Amino acid sequence: MNNEFEGKIALVTGGSSGIGRATAVAFAKKGAKVVIGDRMEKEGQETVVMIKEIGSEAIFIKTDITQATEVENLVNQTINTYNRLDYAFNNAGTEGILGPSIEQTEENWNQVINTNLKGVWLSMKYQIPEMLKNGGGAIVNNASGFGLVGSPNVSIYCASKHGVIGLTKAIALEQAAAGIRINSVCPGPTQTDLLDRILSKIGRSEAKAAQPIGRFGKPEEIANAVVWLCSDAASFIIGHSLTIDGGYTVQ
């Protein structure tokens, strides 16, 4: 553990597994205290235990990011517990039901867009006012490589993640002069439960063969980039979409 983020508070949505959990732990290893918001309580509490085992502090708040009252409560509980908010990683998301666009239902559209896009917007809506009280902060939103390119049978997911990138750019411009830096990350295929669900539909061997680096990413590789974007080392980076995909989208 180093103390680069000592005295700082980081909020991670979707911190119960995968990239979110890895990022929550990465923040803690830098000395930050971490708040985890997620619908999965058991797994969220497991992340809290992992953070405490490395010598930092964390709390879990059960949250459905599609509901404004729950997102507001998540931020309010963060302030009630730690009195400030410095960093946020808006990571919670869903792939929804995959398949041809003409076969998709309005219900699936609403679920994916509400989680992946509305959830990020709601998160920033309530995070930013608290960061302004500190004179600044840093937010990273989790987009996707599918926020940069299209792919068959994941049209709604692609639309939601393209939206996250646009939302990030616009709100980054609104808040830049106020000292809040907002960026996004665009992970390629990363070894998570979400990837396993997607690959069960499109094929693991084909997806791996499409990776120039010859492998999938590790959650920790994405987490390291998120934490770096929040650090002073990235102090001149605003509104950027950082691609972390082993070369997939440059082919």
C-alpha atoms as a PDB file:
ATOM      1  CA  MET A   1       0.000   0.000   0.000  1.00  0.00           C
ATOM      2  CA  ASN A   2       1.217   3.507  -0.758  1.00  0.00           C
ATOM      3  CA  ASN A   3      -0.400   6.679   0.524  1.00  0.00           C
ATOM      4  CA  GLU A   4      -0.896   8.696  -2.666  1.00  0.00           C
ATOM      5  CA  PHE A   5      -4.647   8.922  -1.989  1.00  0.00           C
ATOM      6  CA  GLU A   6      -4.459   9.101   1.803  1.00  0.00           C
ATOM      7  CA  GLY A   7      -7.366  11.108   3.199  1.00  0.00           C
ATOM      8  CA  LYS A   8      -9.292  10.771  -0.072  1.00  0.00           C
ATOM      9  CA  ILE A   9     -12.651   9.084  -0.606  1.00  0.00           C
ATOM     10  CA  ALA A  10     -13.414   7.019  -3.705  1.00  0.00           C
ATOM     11  CA  LEU A  11     -16.864   5.836  -4.774  1.00  0.00           C
ATOM     12  CA  VAL A  12     -17.209   2.811  -7.055  1.00  0.00           C
ATOM     13  CA  THR A  13     -20.489   1.620  -8.522  1.00  0.00           C
ATOM     14  CA  GLY A  14     -20.656  -2.005  -9.549  1.00  0.00           C
ATOM     15  CA  GLY A  15     -17.883  -2.740  -7.059  1.00  0.00           C
ATOM     16  CA  SER A  16     -19.082  -6.225  -6.184  1.00  0.00           C
ATOM     17  CA  SER A  17     -17.191  -8.013  -8.948  1.00  0.00           C
ATOM     18  CA  GLY A  18     -14.981  -7.750 -11.999  1.00  0.00           C
ATOM     19  CA  ILE A  19     -13.510  -4.413 -13.006  1.00  0.00           C
ATOM     20  CA  GLY A  20     -15.397  -2.584 -10.249  1.00  0.00           C
ATOM     21  CA  ARG A  21     -14.029  -4.796  -7.501  1.00  0.00           C
ATOM     22  CA  ALA A  22     -10.495  -4.607  -8.905  1.00  0.00           C
ATOM     23  CA  THR A  23     -10.724  -0.812  -9.023  1.00  0.00           C
ATOM     24  CA  ALA A  24     -12.099  -0.542  -5.492  1.00  0.00           C
ATOM     25  CA  VAL A  25      -9.118  -2.575  -4.271  1.00  0.00           C
ATOM     26  CA  ALA A  26      -6.704  -0.502  -6.383  1.00  0.00           C
ATOM     27  CA  PHE A  27      -8.015   2.721  -4.833  1.00  0.00           C
ATOM     28  CA  ALA A  28      -7.577   1.204  -1.376  1.00  0.00           C
ATOM     29  CA  LYS A  29      -4.003   0.180  -2.141  1.00  0.00           C
ATOM     30  CA  LYS A  30      -3.282   3.857  -2.825  1.00  0.00           C
ATOM     31  CA  GLY A  31      -4.620   4.753   0.619  1.00  0.00           C
ATOM     32  CA  ALA A  32      -8.167   5.876  -0.265  1.00  0.00           C
ATOM     33  CA  LYS A  33     -11.227   4.932   1.722  1.00  0.00           C
ATOM     34  CA  VAL A  34     -13.750   3.314  -0.590  1.00  0.00           C
ATOM     35  CA  VAL A  35     -17.526   3.325  -0.873  1.00  0.00           C
ATOM     36  CA  ILE A  36     -19.054   0.526  -2.927  1.00  0.00           C
ATOM     37  CA  GLY A  37     -22.511   0.854  -4.451  1.00  0.00           C
ATOM     38  CA  ASP A  38     -24.076  -2.232  -5.992  1.00  0.00           C
ATOM     39  CA  ARG A  39     -27.234  -4.315  -6.055  1.00  0.00           C
ATOM     40  CA  MET A  40     -25.372  -7.473  -4.974  1.00  0.00           C
ATOM     41  CA  GLU A  41     -24.996  -7.190  -1.217  1.00  0.00           C
ATOM     42  CA  LYS A  42     -23.136 -10.422  -0.430  1.00  0.00           C
ATOM     43  CA  GLU A  43     -20.500  -9.825  -3.105  1.00  0.00           C
ATOM     44  CA  GLY A  44     -20.243  -6.145  -2.172  1.00  0.00           C
ATOM     45  CA  GLN A  45     -19.517  -7.025   1.432  1.00  0.00           C
ATOM     46  CA  GLU A  46     -16.844  -9.449   0.192  1.00  0.00           C
ATOM     47  CA  THR A  47     -15.134  -6.529  -1.542  1.00  0.00           C
ATOM     48  CA  VAL A  48     -15.284  -4.556   1.717  1.00  0.00           C
ATOM     49  CA  VAL A  49     -13.534  -7.444   3.487  1.00  0.00           C
ATOM     50  CA  MET A  50     -10.829  -7.548   0.809  1.00  0.00           C
ATOM     51  CA  ILE A  51     -10.181  -3.843   1.284  1.00  0.00           C
ATOM     52  CA  LYS A  52     -10.023  -4.097   5.050  1.00  0.00           C
ATOM     53  CA  GLU A  53      -7.555  -6.957   4.731  1.00  0.00           C
ATOM     54  CA  ILE A  54      -5.085  -4.673   2.959  1.00  0.00           C
ATOM     55  CA  GLY A  55      -5.386  -2.077   5.700  1.00  0.00           C
ATOM     56  CA  SER A  56      -7.847   0.460   4.357  1.00  0.00           C
ATOM     57  CA  GLU A  57     -11.490   1.298   5.078  1.00  0.00           C
ATOM     58  CA  ALA A  58     -14.606   0.619   3.035  1.00  0.00           C
ATOM     59  CA  ILE A  59     -18.378   0.517   3.286  1.00  0.00           C
ATOM     60  CA  PHE A  60     -21.050  -1.058   1.104  1.00  0.00           C
ATOM     61  CA  ILE A  61     -24.353   0.624   0.250  1.00  0.00           C
ATOM     62  CA  LYS A  62     -26.924  -1.388  -1.646  1.00  0.00           C
ATOM     63  CA  THR A  63     -27.837   0.673  -4.707  1.00  0.00           C
ATOM     64  CA  ASP A  64     -29.799   0.359  -7.921  1.00  0.00           C
ATOM     65  CA  ILE A  65     -28.201   3.035 -10.107  1.00  0.00           C
ATOM     66  CA  THR A  66     -31.284   3.274 -12.325  1.00  0.00           C
ATOM     67  CA  GLN A  67     -33.203   4.866  -9.440  1.00  0.00           C
ATOM     68  CA  ALA A  68     -32.493   8.524  -8.654  1.00  0.00           C
ATOM     69  CA  THR A  69     -33.441   8.187  -4.987  1.00  0.00           C
ATOM     70  CA  GLU A  70     -31.018   5.310  -4.510  1.00  0.00           C
ATOM     71  CA  VAL A  71     -28.140   7.097  -6.244  1.00  0.00           C
ATOM     72  CA  GLU A  72     -28.817  10.193  -4.146  1.00  0.00           C
ATOM     73  CA  ASN A  73     -28.807   8.000  -1.034  1.00  0.00           C
ATOM     74  CA  LEU A  74     -25.500   6.416  -2.085  1.00  0.00           C
ATOM     75  CA  VAL A  75     -23.831   9.817  -2.319  1.00  0.00           C
ATOM     76  CA  ASN A  76     -25.521  11.106   0.837  1.00  0.00           C
ATOM     77  CA  GLN A  77     -24.371   8.068   2.824  1.00  0.00           C
ATOM     78  CA  THR A  78     -20.850   8.592   1.491  1.00  0.00           C
ATOM     79  CA  ILE A  79     -20.864  12.153   2.824  1.00  0.00           C
ATOM     80  CA  ASN A  80     -22.498  11.140   6.102  1.00  0.00           C
ATOM     81  CA  THR A  81     -19.767   8.563   6.678  1.00  0.00           C
ATOM     82  CA  TYR A  82     -16.640  10.263   5.331  1.00  0.00           C
ATOM     83  CA  ASN A  83     -17.626  13.956   4.945  1.00  0.00           C
ATOM     84  CA  ARG A  84     -16.280  14.276   1.408  1.00  0.00           C
ATOM     85  CA  LEU A  85     -16.046  12.720  -2.054  1.00  0.00           C
ATOM     86  CA  ASP A  86     -12.910  12.980  -4.170  1.00  0.00           C
ATOM     87  CA  TYR A  87     -13.051  10.270  -6.827  1.00  0.00           C
ATOM     88  CA  ALA A  88     -15.762   8.248  -8.520  1.00  0.00           C
ATOM     89  CA  PHE A  89     -15.665   5.306 -10.895  1.00  0.00           C
ATOM     90  CA  ASN A  90     -19.092   4.906 -12.472  1.00  0.00           C
ATOM     91  CA  ASN A  91     -18.743   1.326 -13.532  1.00  0.00           C
ATOM     92  CA  ALA A  92     -22.024  -0.529 -12.964  1.00  0.00           C
ATOM     93  CA  GLY A  93     -23.488  -1.862 -16.172  1.00  0.00           C
ATOM     94  CA  THR A  94     -25.245  -4.693 -17.949  1.00  0.00           C
ATOM     95  CA  GLU A  95     -25.041  -6.324 -21.364  1.00  0.00           C
ATOM     96  CA  GLY A  96     -28.767  -7.060 -21.405  1.00  0.00           C
ATOM     97  CA  ILE A  97     -30.146  -9.675 -23.792  1.00  0.00           C
ATOM     98  CA  LEU A  98     -28.001 -10.124 -26.878  1.00  0.00           C
ATOM     99  CA  GLY A  99     -29.362 -10.723 -30.365  1.00  0.00           C
ATOM    100  CA  PRO A 100     -30.375  -9.025 -33.616  1.00  0.00           C
ATOM    101  CA  SER A 101     -31.761  -5.540 -33.152  1.00  0.00           C
ATOM    102  CA  ILE A 102     -35.090  -6.336 -34.821  1.00  0.00           C
ATOM    103  CA  GLU A 103     -35.681  -9.053 -32.234  1.00  0.00           C
ATOM    104  CA  GLN A 104     -35.023  -6.789 -29.245  1.00  0.00           C
ATOM    105  CA  THR A 105     -37.801  -5.737 -26.888  1.00  0.00           C
ATOM    106  CA  GLU A 106     -38.544  -2.314 -25.513  1.00  0.00           C
ATOM    107  CA  GLU A 107     -38.066  -3.795 -22.040  1.00  0.00           C
ATOM    108  CA  ASN A 108     -34.492  -4.844 -22.859  1.00  0.00           C
ATOM    109  CA  TRP A 109     -33.759  -1.437 -24.417  1.00  0.00           C
ATOM    110  CA  ASN A 110     -34.967   0.304 -21.257  1.00  0.00           C
ATOM    111  CA  GLN A 111     -32.980  -1.988 -18.956  1.00  0.00           C
ATOM    112  CA  VAL A 112     -29.685  -1.538 -20.799  1.00  0.00           C
ATOM    113  CA  ILE A 113     -30.014   2.188 -21.445  1.00  0.00           C
ATOM    114  CA  ASN A 114     -31.262   2.905 -17.918  1.00  0.00           C
ATOM    115  CA  THR A 115     -28.382   1.000 -16.347  1.00  0.00           C
ATOM    116  CA  ASN A 116     -25.487   1.875 -18.628  1.00  0.00           C
ATOM    117  CA  LEU A 117     -26.346   5.437 -19.603  1.00  0.00           C
ATOM    118  CA  LYS A 118     -28.967   6.867 -17.252  1.00  0.00           C
ATOM    119  CA  GLY A 119     -27.120   5.298 -14.310  1.00  0.00           C
ATOM    120  CA  VAL A 120     -23.900   7.089 -15.235  1.00  0.00           C
ATOM    121  CA  TRP A 121     -25.766  10.377 -15.692  1.00  0.00           C
ATOM    122  CA  LEU A 122     -27.525  10.027 -12.329  1.00  0.00           C
ATOM    123  CA  SER A 123     -24.242   9.159 -10.638  1.00  0.00           C
ATOM    124  CA  MET A 124     -22.534  12.293 -11.908  1.00  0.00           C
ATOM    125  CA  LYS A 125     -25.601  14.413 -11.148  1.00  0.00           C
ATOM    126  CA  TYR A 126     -25.230  13.656  -7.445  1.00  0.00           C
ATOM    127  CA  GLN A 127     -21.446  13.251  -7.250  1.00  0.00           C
ATOM    128  CA  ILE A 128     -20.475  16.555  -8.834  1.00  0.00           C
ATOM    129  CA  PRO A 129     -22.123  18.893  -6.264  1.00  0.00           C
ATOM    130  CA  GLU A 130     -20.227  17.160  -3.451  1.00  0.00           C
ATOM    131  CA  MET A 131     -16.924  17.368  -5.314  1.00  0.00           C
ATOM    132  CA  LEU A 132     -17.508  21.066  -5.922  1.00  0.00           C
ATOM    133  CA  LYS A 133     -17.598  21.554  -2.151  1.00  0.00           C
ATOM    134  CA  ASN A 134     -14.007  20.223  -2.030  1.00  0.00           C
ATOM    135  CA  GLY A 135     -12.863  22.457  -4.868  1.00  0.00           C
ATOM    136  CA  GLY A 136     -12.573  19.604  -7.351  1.00  0.00           C
ATOM    137  CA  GLY A 137     -12.256  15.886  -7.924  1.00  0.00           C
ATOM    138  CA  ALA A 138     -12.023  13.254 -10.631  1.00  0.00           C
ATOM    139  CA  ILE A 139     -14.629  11.021 -12.217  1.00  0.00           C
ATOM    140  CA  VAL A 140     -14.077   8.086 -14.551  1.00  0.00           C
ATOM    141  CA  ASN A 141     -16.999   6.496 -16.392  1.00  0.00           C
ATOM    142  CA  ASN A 142     -16.782   2.964 -17.708  1.00  0.00           C
ATOM    143  CA  ALA A 143     -17.642   2.927 -21.398  1.00  0.00           C
ATOM    144  CA  SER A 144     -16.400   0.040 -23.560  1.00  0.00           C
ATOM    145  CA  GLY A 145     -14.569  -0.810 -26.734  1.00  0.00           C
ATOM    146  CA  PHE A 146     -18.119  -1.176 -28.024  1.00  0.00           C
ATOM    147  CA  GLY A 147     -18.495   2.528 -27.309  1.00  0.00           C
ATOM    148  CA  LEU A 148     -16.030   3.071 -30.171  1.00  0.00           C
ATOM    149  CA  VAL A 149     -17.043   0.421 -32.700  1.00  0.00           C
ATOM    150  CA  GLY A 150     -20.117  -1.564 -33.617  1.00  0.00           C
ATOM    151  CA  SER A 151     -20.672  -5.291 -33.401  1.00  0.00           C
ATOM    152  CA  PRO A 152     -23.529  -7.526 -34.505  1.00  0.00           C
ATOM    153  CA  ASN A 153     -26.075  -8.591 -31.893  1.00  0.00           C
ATOM    154  CA  VAL A 154     -24.973  -6.086 -29.246  1.00  0.00           C
ATOM    155  CA  SER A 155     -26.670  -3.013 -30.722  1.00  0.00           C
ATOM    156  CA  ILE A 156     -28.310  -1.711 -27.540  1.00  0.00           C
ATOM    157  CA  TYR A 157     -25.152  -2.213 -25.503  1.00  0.00           C
ATOM    158  CA  CYS A 158     -23.140  -0.413 -28.211  1.00  0.00           C
ATOM    159  CA  ALA A 159     -25.619   2.461 -28.202  1.00  0.00           C
ATOM    160  CA  SER A 160     -25.459   2.807 -24.430  1.00  0.00           C
ATOM    161  CA  LYS A 161     -21.662   2.834 -24.365  1.00  0.00           C
ATOM    162  CA  HIS A 162     -21.360   5.301 -27.250  1.00  0.00           C
ATOM    163  CA  GLY A 163     -23.696   7.444 -25.159  1.00  0.00           C
ATOM    164  CA  VAL A 164     -21.429   7.215 -22.124  1.00  0.00           C
ATOM    165  CA  ILE A 165     -18.546   8.621 -24.155  1.00  0.00           C
ATOM    166  CA  GLY A 166     -20.614  11.543 -25.421  1.00  0.00           C
ATOM    167  CA  LEU A 167     -22.030  12.241 -21.980  1.00  0.00           C
ATOM    168  CA  THR A 168     -18.530  12.171 -20.507  1.00  0.00           C
ATOM    169  CA  LYS A 169     -17.212  14.697 -23.032  1.00  0.00           C
ATOM    170  CA  ALA A 170     -20.099  17.126 -22.554  1.00  0.00           C
ATOM    171  CA  ILE A 171     -20.096  17.103 -18.753  1.00  0.00           C
ATOM    172  CA  ALA A 172     -16.283  17.234 -18.716  1.00  0.00           C
ATOM    173  CA  LEU A 173     -16.531  20.566 -20.507  1.00  0.00           C
ATOM    174  CA  GLU A 174     -19.154  21.813 -18.046  1.00  0.00           C
ATOM    175  CA  GLN A 175     -16.957  21.040 -15.031  1.00  0.00           C
ATOM    176  CA  ALA A 176     -13.382  21.565 -16.264  1.00  0.00           C
ATOM    177  CA  ALA A 177     -13.050  25.119 -14.955  1.00  0.00           C
ATOM    178  CA  ALA A 178     -14.460  24.047 -11.594  1.00  0.00           C
ATOM    179  CA  GLY A 179     -11.626  21.578 -11.053  1.00  0.00           C
ATOM    180  CA  ILE A 180     -13.481  18.336 -11.697  1.00  0.00           C
ATOM    181  CA  ARG A 181     -11.802  16.171 -14.314  1.00  0.00           C
ATOM    182  CA  ILE A 182     -14.131  13.713 -16.042  1.00  0.00           C
ATOM    183  CA  ASN A 183     -12.886  10.968 -18.372  1.00  0.00           C
ATOM    184  CA  SER A 184     -13.925   7.518 -19.502  1.00  0.00           C
ATOM    185  CA  VAL A 185     -12.249   4.185 -20.094  1.00  0.00           C
ATOM    186  CA  CYS A 186     -13.035   1.849 -22.969  1.00  0.00           C
ATOM    187  CA  PRO A 187     -12.043  -1.676 -21.951  1.00  0.00           C
ATOM    188  CA  GLY A 188     -11.769  -4.421 -24.505  1.00  0.00           C
ATOM    189  CA  PRO A 189     -12.716  -8.005 -23.609  1.00  0.00           C
ATOM    190  CA  THR A 190     -11.767  -8.389 -19.952  1.00  0.00           C
ATOM    191  CA  GLN A 191     -11.913 -11.540 -17.850  1.00  0.00           C
ATOM    192  CA  THR A 192     -15.147 -10.947 -15.935  1.00  0.00           C
ATOM    193  CA  ASP A 193     -18.514 -12.628 -15.456  1.00  0.00           C
ATOM    194  CA  LEU A 194     -19.991 -10.187 -17.977  1.00  0.00           C
ATOM    195  CA  LEU A 195     -17.476 -11.290 -20.612  1.00  0.00           C
ATOM    196  CA  ASP A 196     -18.285 -14.939 -19.903  1.00  0.00           C
ATOM    197  CA  ARG A 197     -21.960 -14.248 -20.533  1.00  0.00           C
ATOM    198  CA  ILE A 198     -21.239 -12.427 -23.792  1.00  0.00           C
ATOM    199  CA  LEU A 199     -18.825 -15.091 -25.021  1.00  0.00           C
ATOM    200  CA  SER A 200     -21.365 -17.810 -24.350  1.00  0.00           C
ATOM    201  CA  LYS A 201     -23.331 -16.205 -27.182  1.00  0.00           C
ATOM    202  CA  ILE A 202     -20.596 -15.187 -29.629  1.00  0.00           C
ATOM    203  CA  GLY A 203     -17.882 -17.793 -29.007  1.00  0.00           C
ATOM    204  CA  ARG A 204     -14.760 -17.624 -26.822  1.00  0.00           C
ATOM    205  CA  SER A 205     -12.214 -18.906 -29.334  1.00  0.00           C
ATOM    206  CA  GLU A 206     -13.349 -16.480 -32.054  1.00  0.00           C
ATOM    207  CA  ALA A 207     -13.203 -13.543 -29.653  1.00  0.00           C
ATOM    208  CA  LYS A 208      -9.754 -14.467 -28.403  1.00  0.00           C
ATOM    209  CA  ALA A 209      -8.463 -14.895 -31.950  1.00  0.00           C
ATOM    210  CA  ALA A 210      -9.596 -11.325 -32.707  1.00  0.00           C
ATOM    211  CA  GLN A 211      -7.325  -9.924 -29.968  1.00  0.00           C
ATOM    212  CA  PRO A 212      -3.989  -8.716 -31.440  1.00  0.00           C
ATOM    213  CA  ILE A 213      -2.300  -9.299 -28.086  1.00  0.00           C
ATOM    214  CA  GLY A 214      -3.575 -12.883 -28.078  1.00  0.00           C
ATOM    215  CA  ARG A 215      -5.405 -12.737 -24.756  1.00  0.00           C
ATOM    216  CA  PHE A 216      -8.193 -11.024 -22.871  1.00  0.00           C
ATOM    217  CA  GLY A 217      -7.567  -8.215 -20.416  1.00  0.00           C
ATOM    218  CA  LYS A 218      -7.347  -8.577 -16.656  1.00  0.00           C
ATOM    219  CA  PRO A 219      -9.617  -6.504 -14.386  1.00  0.00           C
ATOM    220  CA  GLU A 220      -6.519  -5.157 -12.653  1.00  0.00           C
ATOM    221  CA  GLU A 221      -5.239  -3.729 -15.942  1.00  0.00           C
ATOM    222  CA  ILE A 222      -8.386  -1.645 -16.293  1.00  0.00           C
ATOM    223  CA  ALA A 223      -8.331  -0.713 -12.609  1.00  0.00           C
ATOM    224  CA  ASN A 224      -4.786   0.627 -12.839  1.00  0.00           C
ATOM    225  CA  ALA A 225      -5.809   2.928 -15.681  1.00  0.00           C
ATOM    226  CA  VAL A 226      -8.854   4.215 -13.776  1.00  0.00           C
ATOM    227  CA  VAL A 227      -6.798   5.008 -10.695  1.00  0.00           C
ATOM    228  CA  TRP A 228      -4.151   6.716 -12.830  1.00  0.00           C
ATOM    229  CA  LEU A 229      -6.798   8.906 -14.489  1.00  0.00           C
ATOM    230  CA  CYS A 230      -7.879  10.028 -11.006  1.00  0.00           C
ATOM    231  CA  SER A 231      -4.319  10.794  -9.923  1.00  0.00           C
ATOM    232  CA  ASP A 232      -2.350  14.011 -10.216  1.00  0.00           C
ATOM    233  CA  ALA A 233      -0.289  12.325 -12.932  1.00  0.00           C
ATOM    234  CA  ALA A 234      -3.321  12.777 -15.221  1.00  0.00           C
ATOM    235  CA  SER A 235      -3.996  16.385 -14.201  1.00  0.00           C
ATOM    236  CA  PHE A 236      -4.194  17.713 -17.786  1.00  0.00           C
ATOM    237  CA  ILE A 237      -6.483  14.979 -19.111  1.00  0.00           C
ATOM    238  CA  ILE A 238     -10.126  16.009 -19.471  1.00  0.00           C
ATOM    239  CA  GLY A 239     -12.932  14.494 -21.543  1.00  0.00           C
ATOM    240  CA  HIS A 240     -10.710  11.707 -22.841  1.00  0.00           C
ATOM    241  CA  SER A 241     -11.798   8.157 -23.676  1.00  0.00           C
ATOM    242  CA  LEU A 242      -8.869   5.894 -22.791  1.00  0.00           C
ATOM    243  CA  THR A 243      -8.904   2.679 -24.806  1.00  0.00           C
ATOM    244  CA  ILE A 244      -7.556  -0.373 -22.951  1.00  0.00           C
ATOM    245  CA  ASP A 245      -8.186  -3.257 -25.308  1.00  0.00           C
ATOM    246  CA  GLY A 246      -4.998  -5.032 -26.343  1.00  0.00           C
ATOM    247  CA  GLY A 247      -5.177  -3.394 -29.777  1.00  0.00           C
ATOM    248  CA  TYR A 248      -8.657  -4.630 -30.746  1.00  0.00           C
ATOM    249  CA  THR A 249     -10.072  -1.328 -32.000  1.00  0.00           C
ATOM    250  CA  VAL A 250      -6.999  -0.229 -33.991  1.00  0.00           C
ATOM    251  CA  GLN A 251      -7.225  -3.176 -36.386  1.00  0.00           C
END
